[in-house]
N, C-alpha and C. Protein backbone atom coordinates (compact mmCIF):
# COMPACT_ATOMS: atom_id res chain seq x y z
N UNK A 1 87.96 122.82 90.08
CA UNK A 1 88.00 123.79 91.16
C UNK A 1 87.75 123.07 92.47
N UNK A 2 88.43 123.51 93.52
CA UNK A 2 88.32 122.88 94.83
C UNK A 2 87.17 123.51 95.60
N UNK A 3 86.22 122.67 96.04
CA UNK A 3 85.06 123.20 96.77
C UNK A 3 85.18 122.99 98.26
N UNK A 4 86.28 122.43 98.74
CA UNK A 4 86.46 122.21 100.17
C UNK A 4 86.64 123.56 100.88
N UNK A 5 86.03 123.71 102.04
CA UNK A 5 86.10 124.99 102.73
C UNK A 5 87.44 125.21 103.43
N UNK A 6 87.82 126.48 103.49
CA UNK A 6 89.00 126.85 104.25
C UNK A 6 88.59 126.92 105.72
N UNK A 7 89.45 126.45 106.61
CA UNK A 7 89.15 126.51 108.03
C UNK A 7 90.15 127.41 108.74
N UNK A 8 89.69 128.13 109.76
CA UNK A 8 90.54 129.02 110.56
C UNK A 8 90.78 128.41 111.93
N UNK A 9 91.99 128.63 112.45
CA UNK A 9 92.36 128.08 113.76
C UNK A 9 93.20 129.09 114.52
N UNK A 10 93.08 129.07 115.84
CA UNK A 10 93.93 129.87 116.71
C UNK A 10 94.66 128.90 117.63
N UNK A 11 95.95 129.11 117.78
CA UNK A 11 96.75 128.28 118.67
C UNK A 11 97.37 129.16 119.74
N UNK A 12 97.30 128.69 120.97
CA UNK A 12 97.97 129.37 122.07
C UNK A 12 99.31 128.71 122.35
N UNK A 13 100.01 129.24 123.31
CA UNK A 13 101.30 128.68 123.70
C UNK A 13 101.13 127.22 124.10
N UNK A 14 101.87 126.34 123.47
CA UNK A 14 101.82 124.92 123.79
C UNK A 14 100.71 124.15 123.09
N UNK A 15 99.87 124.81 122.31
CA UNK A 15 98.81 124.11 121.57
C UNK A 15 99.37 123.50 120.29
N UNK A 16 98.78 122.41 119.88
CA UNK A 16 99.12 121.76 118.61
C UNK A 16 97.85 121.42 117.87
N UNK A 17 97.95 121.40 116.58
CA UNK A 17 96.85 121.02 115.71
C UNK A 17 97.32 119.85 114.87
N UNK A 18 96.52 118.81 114.81
CA UNK A 18 96.87 117.63 114.01
C UNK A 18 95.97 117.60 112.79
N UNK A 19 96.58 117.42 111.63
CA UNK A 19 95.86 117.40 110.37
C UNK A 19 96.06 116.03 109.73
N UNK A 20 94.96 115.41 109.31
CA UNK A 20 95.02 114.10 108.67
C UNK A 20 95.80 114.19 107.35
N UNK A 21 96.22 113.04 106.88
CA UNK A 21 96.99 112.96 105.64
C UNK A 21 96.15 113.40 104.45
N UNK A 22 96.40 114.60 103.98
CA UNK A 22 95.74 115.15 102.80
C UNK A 22 96.54 116.34 102.34
N UNK A 23 96.55 116.63 101.05
CA UNK A 23 97.23 117.84 100.58
C UNK A 23 96.55 119.08 101.15
N UNK A 24 97.34 119.99 101.70
CA UNK A 24 96.77 121.16 102.36
C UNK A 24 97.72 122.35 102.22
N UNK A 25 97.14 123.55 102.13
CA UNK A 25 97.91 124.80 102.17
C UNK A 25 97.76 125.38 103.56
N UNK A 26 98.89 125.70 104.20
CA UNK A 26 98.90 126.32 105.53
C UNK A 26 99.22 127.79 105.33
N UNK A 27 98.30 128.66 105.76
CA UNK A 27 98.47 130.10 105.66
C UNK A 27 98.61 130.66 107.07
N UNK A 28 99.74 131.26 107.38
CA UNK A 28 99.98 131.84 108.70
C UNK A 28 99.52 133.29 108.71
N UNK A 29 98.50 133.59 109.51
CA UNK A 29 97.99 134.95 109.60
C UNK A 29 98.65 135.74 110.72
N UNK A 30 99.06 135.05 111.78
CA UNK A 30 99.66 135.70 112.94
C UNK A 30 100.62 134.71 113.58
N UNK A 31 101.75 135.19 114.05
CA UNK A 31 102.71 134.34 114.74
C UNK A 31 103.54 133.51 113.77
N UNK A 32 104.41 132.71 114.35
CA UNK A 32 105.25 131.81 113.56
C UNK A 32 104.87 130.38 113.89
N UNK A 33 104.62 129.59 112.86
CA UNK A 33 104.21 128.20 113.01
C UNK A 33 105.39 127.27 112.77
N UNK A 34 105.42 126.16 113.48
CA UNK A 34 106.31 125.07 113.09
C UNK A 34 105.41 123.93 112.65
N UNK A 35 105.85 123.25 111.59
CA UNK A 35 105.05 122.18 111.01
C UNK A 35 105.92 120.93 110.91
N UNK A 36 105.43 119.85 111.48
CA UNK A 36 106.09 118.56 111.39
C UNK A 36 105.23 117.67 110.51
N UNK A 37 105.85 117.13 109.46
CA UNK A 37 105.14 116.25 108.55
C UNK A 37 105.61 114.83 108.82
N UNK A 38 104.67 113.91 109.10
CA UNK A 38 105.02 112.52 109.36
C UNK A 38 105.88 111.97 108.23
N UNK A 39 106.98 111.34 108.61
CA UNK A 39 107.87 110.73 107.62
C UNK A 39 108.90 111.67 107.02
N UNK A 40 108.87 112.96 107.39
CA UNK A 40 109.84 113.93 106.89
C UNK A 40 110.70 114.37 108.07
N UNK A 41 112.02 114.18 107.99
CA UNK A 41 112.86 114.44 109.16
C UNK A 41 112.96 115.91 109.59
N UNK A 42 112.86 116.84 108.66
CA UNK A 42 113.04 118.25 109.00
C UNK A 42 111.69 118.93 109.22
N UNK A 43 111.60 119.74 110.29
CA UNK A 43 110.41 120.55 110.52
C UNK A 43 110.45 121.77 109.60
N UNK A 44 109.30 122.35 109.36
CA UNK A 44 109.19 123.53 108.50
C UNK A 44 108.72 124.71 109.35
N UNK A 45 109.12 125.90 108.97
CA UNK A 45 108.68 127.12 109.63
C UNK A 45 107.84 127.92 108.65
N UNK A 46 106.70 128.41 109.14
CA UNK A 46 105.83 129.25 108.32
C UNK A 46 105.58 130.53 109.11
N UNK A 47 106.12 131.64 108.61
CA UNK A 47 106.01 132.92 109.30
C UNK A 47 104.72 133.63 108.95
N UNK A 48 104.30 134.55 109.82
CA UNK A 48 103.09 135.34 109.59
C UNK A 48 103.14 136.00 108.22
N UNK A 49 102.02 135.93 107.51
CA UNK A 49 101.93 136.52 106.19
C UNK A 49 102.40 135.61 105.07
N UNK A 50 102.84 134.41 105.41
CA UNK A 50 103.28 133.49 104.35
C UNK A 50 102.45 132.22 104.36
N UNK A 51 102.68 131.40 103.36
CA UNK A 51 101.92 130.16 103.23
C UNK A 51 102.84 129.09 102.68
N UNK A 52 102.41 127.84 102.86
CA UNK A 52 103.20 126.72 102.35
C UNK A 52 102.26 125.56 102.04
N UNK A 53 102.50 124.90 100.92
CA UNK A 53 101.70 123.75 100.53
C UNK A 53 102.39 122.47 101.00
N UNK A 54 101.58 121.53 101.46
CA UNK A 54 102.08 120.23 101.91
C UNK A 54 101.31 119.15 101.16
N UNK A 55 102.02 118.27 100.49
CA UNK A 55 101.42 117.12 99.81
C UNK A 55 101.51 115.96 100.79
N UNK A 56 100.65 115.96 101.78
CA UNK A 56 100.76 115.04 102.92
C UNK A 56 100.42 113.61 102.57
N UNK A 57 101.39 112.74 102.73
CA UNK A 57 101.15 111.31 102.64
C UNK A 57 101.09 110.75 104.05
N UNK A 58 101.48 111.55 105.00
CA UNK A 58 101.32 111.28 106.42
C UNK A 58 100.64 112.51 107.01
N UNK A 59 100.36 112.50 108.26
CA UNK A 59 99.70 113.64 108.87
C UNK A 59 100.65 114.80 109.12
N UNK A 60 100.08 115.92 109.52
CA UNK A 60 100.83 117.11 109.92
C UNK A 60 100.54 117.42 111.37
N UNK A 61 101.55 117.92 112.07
CA UNK A 61 101.36 118.50 113.39
C UNK A 61 101.83 119.94 113.30
N UNK A 62 100.95 120.87 113.69
CA UNK A 62 101.25 122.29 113.60
C UNK A 62 101.24 122.88 115.00
N UNK A 63 102.29 123.59 115.34
CA UNK A 63 102.39 124.26 116.63
C UNK A 63 102.93 125.67 116.44
N UNK A 64 103.22 126.34 117.54
CA UNK A 64 103.73 127.71 117.47
C UNK A 64 105.14 127.77 118.05
N UNK A 65 105.86 128.84 117.70
CA UNK A 65 107.15 129.11 118.31
C UNK A 65 106.93 130.04 119.50
N UNK A 66 106.42 129.51 120.58
CA UNK A 66 106.34 130.24 121.83
C UNK A 66 105.14 131.11 122.08
N UNK A 67 104.52 131.68 121.09
CA UNK A 67 103.41 132.59 121.32
C UNK A 67 102.13 132.09 120.70
N UNK A 68 101.20 133.01 120.52
CA UNK A 68 99.94 132.66 119.90
C UNK A 68 100.08 132.76 118.38
N UNK A 69 99.21 132.04 117.70
CA UNK A 69 99.23 132.07 116.24
C UNK A 69 97.81 131.91 115.71
N UNK A 70 97.59 132.45 114.54
CA UNK A 70 96.34 132.27 113.81
C UNK A 70 96.71 131.75 112.44
N UNK A 71 95.96 130.76 111.99
CA UNK A 71 96.26 130.16 110.70
C UNK A 71 94.99 129.72 110.00
N UNK A 72 95.12 129.52 108.72
CA UNK A 72 94.03 128.96 107.92
C UNK A 72 94.56 127.75 107.18
N UNK A 73 93.69 126.76 107.01
CA UNK A 73 94.02 125.55 106.25
C UNK A 73 93.10 125.47 105.05
N UNK A 74 93.68 125.27 103.89
CA UNK A 74 92.91 125.13 102.67
C UNK A 74 93.24 123.77 102.06
N UNK A 75 92.29 122.84 102.03
CA UNK A 75 92.55 121.55 101.38
C UNK A 75 92.85 121.78 99.90
N UNK A 76 93.84 121.07 99.39
CA UNK A 76 94.24 121.18 97.99
C UNK A 76 93.82 119.93 97.24
N UNK A 77 93.59 120.06 95.95
CA UNK A 77 93.27 118.87 95.16
C UNK A 77 94.50 117.96 95.11
N UNK A 78 94.27 116.66 95.07
CA UNK A 78 95.36 115.70 95.00
C UNK A 78 95.80 115.56 93.55
N UNK A 79 97.10 115.74 93.31
CA UNK A 79 97.65 115.61 91.96
C UNK A 79 98.87 114.71 91.95
N UNK A 80 98.96 113.80 92.88
CA UNK A 80 100.14 112.95 92.88
C UNK A 80 99.88 111.65 92.12
N UNK A 81 100.92 110.90 91.90
CA UNK A 81 100.82 109.67 91.11
C UNK A 81 99.91 108.64 91.78
N UNK A 82 99.95 108.54 93.10
CA UNK A 82 99.12 107.56 93.80
C UNK A 82 97.64 107.86 93.59
N UNK A 83 97.27 109.13 93.62
CA UNK A 83 95.88 109.51 93.39
C UNK A 83 95.47 109.20 91.96
N UNK A 84 96.33 109.51 91.01
CA UNK A 84 96.03 109.21 89.61
C UNK A 84 95.86 107.71 89.40
N UNK A 85 96.73 106.91 90.02
CA UNK A 85 96.63 105.46 89.89
C UNK A 85 95.34 104.94 90.51
N UNK A 86 94.98 105.47 91.67
CA UNK A 86 93.73 105.07 92.34
C UNK A 86 92.52 105.38 91.45
N UNK A 87 92.50 106.56 90.85
CA UNK A 87 91.40 106.93 89.96
C UNK A 87 91.38 106.05 88.72
N UNK A 88 92.56 105.72 88.17
CA UNK A 88 92.63 104.85 87.01
C UNK A 88 92.12 103.46 87.34
N UNK A 89 92.50 102.92 88.49
CA UNK A 89 92.02 101.60 88.91
C UNK A 89 90.50 101.60 89.06
N UNK A 90 89.95 102.66 89.65
CA UNK A 90 88.51 102.77 89.81
C UNK A 90 87.83 102.80 88.43
N UNK A 91 88.38 103.60 87.50
CA UNK A 91 87.82 103.70 86.16
C UNK A 91 87.91 102.36 85.44
N UNK A 92 89.06 101.69 85.53
CA UNK A 92 89.21 100.39 84.89
C UNK A 92 88.25 99.37 85.48
N UNK A 93 88.01 99.43 86.76
CA UNK A 93 87.05 98.53 87.40
C UNK A 93 85.65 98.75 86.86
N UNK A 94 85.28 99.99 86.63
CA UNK A 94 83.96 100.30 86.08
C UNK A 94 83.86 99.76 84.66
N UNK A 95 84.88 99.97 83.85
CA UNK A 95 84.89 99.49 82.47
C UNK A 95 84.84 97.96 82.46
N UNK A 96 85.61 97.32 83.33
CA UNK A 96 85.65 95.85 83.40
C UNK A 96 84.28 95.30 83.77
N UNK A 97 83.61 95.91 84.72
CA UNK A 97 82.28 95.43 85.12
C UNK A 97 81.27 95.56 83.99
N UNK A 98 81.37 96.59 83.18
CA UNK A 98 80.43 96.79 82.08
C UNK A 98 80.67 95.78 80.95
N UNK A 99 81.91 95.33 80.79
CA UNK A 99 82.25 94.43 79.69
C UNK A 99 81.86 92.99 80.01
N UNK A 100 81.90 92.61 81.27
CA UNK A 100 81.59 91.21 81.64
C UNK A 100 80.15 90.85 81.29
N UNK A 101 79.94 89.59 80.79
CA UNK A 101 78.58 89.16 80.44
C UNK A 101 77.70 88.94 81.66
């Protein structure tokens, strides 16, 4: 279960929110959001009342389409191959250290 807290944000006209590279769910409560994901050529639109998950390997930039917006961000657990490999390497390192004389 994910214990990371959900955060709420309000954006005015011309405001942007930058999110570090991490898996996150974007929930649009009010207004229409545009989301740019580093390394992905197409921007995404998230309308009020909808949500979208991003498996961010780069950061996100979130803005509005002209008006004000309210949104929530929920960090998601990492389930990608890179995370699994990182955890496996850490586990193997622990096992290796215990085996050495």
